[in-house]
Protein backbone atom coordinates (compact mmCIF):
# COMPACT_ATOMS: atom_id res chain seq x y z
CA MET A 1 75.12 86.77 85.54
CA THR A 2 75.96 90.32 85.17
CA ILE A 3 80.10 91.10 84.89
CA ARG A 4 80.69 94.50 85.65
CA PRO A 5 83.25 97.06 84.23
CA ILE A 6 86.25 97.87 86.81
CA ARG A 7 86.26 101.61 87.75
CA TYR A 8 90.26 102.51 87.31
CA LEU A 9 92.20 105.32 89.52
CA GLY A 10 91.18 108.47 88.34
CA ASP A 11 87.29 107.72 88.51
CA PRO A 12 86.01 110.24 91.35
CA VAL A 13 83.89 107.13 92.67
CA LEU A 14 86.67 105.64 94.20
CA ARG A 15 87.95 108.53 96.44
CA GLN A 16 84.07 109.04 97.85
CA PRO A 17 83.29 107.63 101.38
CA ALA A 18 80.93 104.75 100.14
CA LYS A 19 77.24 105.28 101.72
CA LYS A 20 76.37 102.53 104.60
CA VAL A 21 73.83 99.86 103.67
CA LYS A 22 70.70 100.68 105.45
CA ARG A 23 69.12 97.49 104.89
CA VAL A 24 70.38 93.94 103.46
CA ASP A 25 67.51 93.25 100.64
CA ASP A 26 67.55 91.61 97.17
CA TYR A 27 69.00 94.45 95.50
CA ILE A 28 72.39 94.11 97.99
CA ARG A 29 72.31 90.46 97.09
CA ARG A 30 71.86 90.98 93.73
CA LEU A 31 74.78 93.34 93.44
CA ILE A 32 77.03 90.74 95.81
CA PHE A 33 76.44 88.00 93.01
CA ASP A 34 77.30 90.76 90.20
CA MET A 35 80.46 91.69 92.63
CA THR A 36 81.37 87.92 92.96
CA GLU A 37 81.25 87.49 89.32
CA SER A 38 83.06 90.86 88.21
CA MET A 39 85.97 89.68 91.02
CA ILE A 40 86.70 86.08 89.74
CA GLU A 41 86.57 87.25 86.05
CA ALA A 42 89.12 89.74 86.68
CA GLN A 43 91.15 87.25 88.70
CA GLY A 44 91.11 89.10 92.21
CA VAL A 45 90.91 88.17 95.48
CA GLY A 46 88.47 90.78 96.67
CA ILE A 47 86.37 93.86 94.99
CA ALA A 48 84.49 96.92 96.63
CA ALA A 49 81.20 98.41 95.35
CA PRO A 50 82.89 101.28 94.47
CA GLN A 51 85.36 99.59 92.15
CA ILE A 52 82.22 99.06 90.03
CA GLY A 53 80.82 102.07 90.16
CA VAL A 54 78.11 101.53 93.18
CA ASN A 55 78.74 104.03 95.99
CA LEU A 56 77.62 101.47 98.63
CA ARG A 57 79.57 99.72 101.85
CA VAL A 58 79.71 96.19 100.42
CA VAL A 59 82.87 94.43 99.78
CA VAL A 60 83.65 90.79 98.53
CA ILE A 61 86.51 88.65 99.43
CA GLY A 62 87.86 85.71 97.55
CA MET A 63 90.70 83.63 98.80
CA PRO A 64 92.29 81.04 96.81
CA ASP A 65 90.40 77.43 96.92
CA GLU A 66 87.72 79.38 99.19
CA HIS A 67 83.86 79.97 98.68
CA PRO A 68 83.71 83.81 98.23
CA PHE A 69 81.76 85.99 101.07
CA PRO A 70 80.33 89.21 101.15
CA ILE A 71 80.76 92.14 103.87
CA VAL A 72 77.84 94.36 104.01
CA ASN A 73 79.20 98.32 105.98
CA PRO A 74 82.50 96.56 106.96
CA GLU A 75 84.28 98.31 109.40
CA VAL A 76 88.10 97.65 110.75
CA VAL A 77 87.60 97.29 114.75
CA LYS A 78 91.16 96.31 115.76
CA LYS A 79 94.03 96.32 114.25
CA SER A 80 97.71 95.29 115.43
CA GLY A 81 101.06 95.08 114.29
CA PHE A 82 102.80 96.26 110.85
CA ARG A 83 104.18 94.42 107.84
CA GLU A 84 105.44 95.32 104.52
CA LEU A 85 103.52 93.96 101.73
CA ASP A 86 103.34 93.79 97.92
CA GLU A 87 100.14 94.86 96.56
CA GLY A 88 98.38 95.37 93.79
CA CYS A 89 94.66 96.48 93.10
CA LEU A 90 92.23 95.64 90.02
CA SER A 91 91.53 99.70 90.23
CA VAL A 92 95.58 100.09 89.48
CA PRO A 93 96.22 97.73 86.60
CA GLY A 94 99.50 96.96 85.52
CA TYR A 95 101.12 98.04 88.77
CA HIS A 96 101.89 96.88 92.32
CA GLY A 97 103.81 98.70 95.26
CA LEU A 98 105.27 97.89 99.05
CA VAL A 99 102.73 99.06 101.45
CA SER A 100 102.36 98.87 105.09
CA ARG A 101 99.66 96.90 106.70
CA SER A 102 98.57 95.99 110.14
CA LYS A 103 99.77 92.15 111.08
CA LYS A 104 96.41 91.41 112.39
CA VAL A 105 93.14 92.83 111.63
CA VAL A 106 89.30 92.49 113.49
CA VAL A 107 86.67 93.70 110.69
CA LYS A 108 82.67 93.59 111.71
CA GLY A 109 79.52 93.49 109.40
CA LEU A 110 76.76 92.15 107.91
CA ASP A 111 76.65 89.25 105.90
CA ASP A 112 74.16 88.37 102.92
CA LYS A 113 70.99 87.83 105.11
CA GLY A 114 71.84 90.93 107.43
CA HIS A 115 73.42 89.16 110.22
CA GLN A 116 76.33 90.19 112.22
CA ILE A 117 79.51 89.13 111.24
CA ARG A 118 82.97 89.28 112.87
CA ILE A 119 86.02 88.34 111.03
CA THR A 120 89.78 87.77 112.58
CA ALA A 121 92.55 87.40 110.43
CA GLU A 122 96.44 87.57 111.35
CA GLU A 123 99.70 87.69 109.16
CA ASN A 124 98.03 86.17 105.94
CA LEU A 125 96.48 87.32 102.39
CA LEU A 126 92.98 87.70 104.39
CA ALA A 127 94.31 90.29 106.71
CA GLN A 128 95.72 92.14 103.61
CA ALA A 129 92.19 91.69 101.70
CA LEU A 130 90.40 92.81 104.59
CA GLU A 131 92.49 95.82 105.25
CA HIS A 132 92.61 96.65 101.42
CA GLU A 133 88.64 96.48 100.83
CA VAL A 134 87.93 98.52 104.04
CA ASP A 135 90.11 101.02 102.47
CA HIS A 136 88.05 101.08 99.21
CA VAL A 137 84.64 101.53 100.71
CA ASN A 138 86.15 104.83 102.59
CA GLY A 139 87.84 106.15 99.72
CA THR A 140 91.43 105.27 99.74
CA LEU A 141 93.08 103.40 97.39
CA TYR A 142 96.62 101.20 98.13
CA VAL A 143 98.58 103.89 96.32
CA ASP A 144 97.82 106.03 98.88
CA HIS A 145 99.94 104.10 101.70
CA LEU A 146 102.89 104.85 99.21
CA ASN A 147 105.48 107.64 99.83
CA SER A 148 105.17 108.44 96.51
CA ARG A 149 103.82 107.24 93.22
CA ASP A 150 107.44 106.90 92.09
CA GLU A 151 107.24 103.73 94.15
CA LEU A 152 104.94 102.10 91.95
CA ILE A 153 106.38 98.85 90.07
CA LYS A 154 105.18 98.18 86.89
CA ILE A 155 104.26 94.61 86.15
CA ASP A 156 106.05 93.14 83.15
CA THR A 157 103.33 90.68 81.91
CA SER A 158 105.62 89.31 78.97
CA SER A 159 107.86 87.52 81.38
CA GLN A 160 105.51 86.75 84.37
CA THR A 161 101.81 86.34 85.21
CA LEU A 162 100.60 87.02 88.79
CA ASN A 163 98.39 84.34 90.51
CA ALA A 164 96.78 83.87 93.58
CA GLU A 165 100.06 82.39 94.85
CA ASP A 166 102.52 85.35 94.34
CA HIS A 167 102.85 87.78 97.11
CA SER A 168 101.88 91.15 94.39
CA GLU A 169 98.53 90.54 94.64
CA ASN A 170 95.76 91.97 92.85
CA THR A 171 94.43 92.23 96.27
CA ASP A 172 91.08 93.40 95.16
């Protein structure tokens, strides 16, 4: 098990569009394992490879009470509707903010065996996490969806702790 350090806002790797994975091999499967362990340790519901310094299009999603799953070369192929959601990020610790996300999202990619997958999610945390993580591999952070950085809200950790049931998620 290798827990890798999370990269934070300001690290250039978070702003680069990640490179497409040419082949799902043992290196990618090990990366997925490390990402999963790192996400769990950081108490996130998703993580993208750039967040641990690897410029590849790989994400892992881990919904509460479900087994985490990877998506290699994720791509949003369809989205519809809009909703305002309180969102946080492992790469922007201590803050959250209201962002506009789609109500329904369809993402395609590959699983850890290289087989094509397609995931549809609607008006739930999974839809939010899918959109958030695909943003990451495109070099976008949730703070880019805010009108200004003044809209960021500092989390008061002395009086509350955010968890997977809160609406202000560490989406990744």
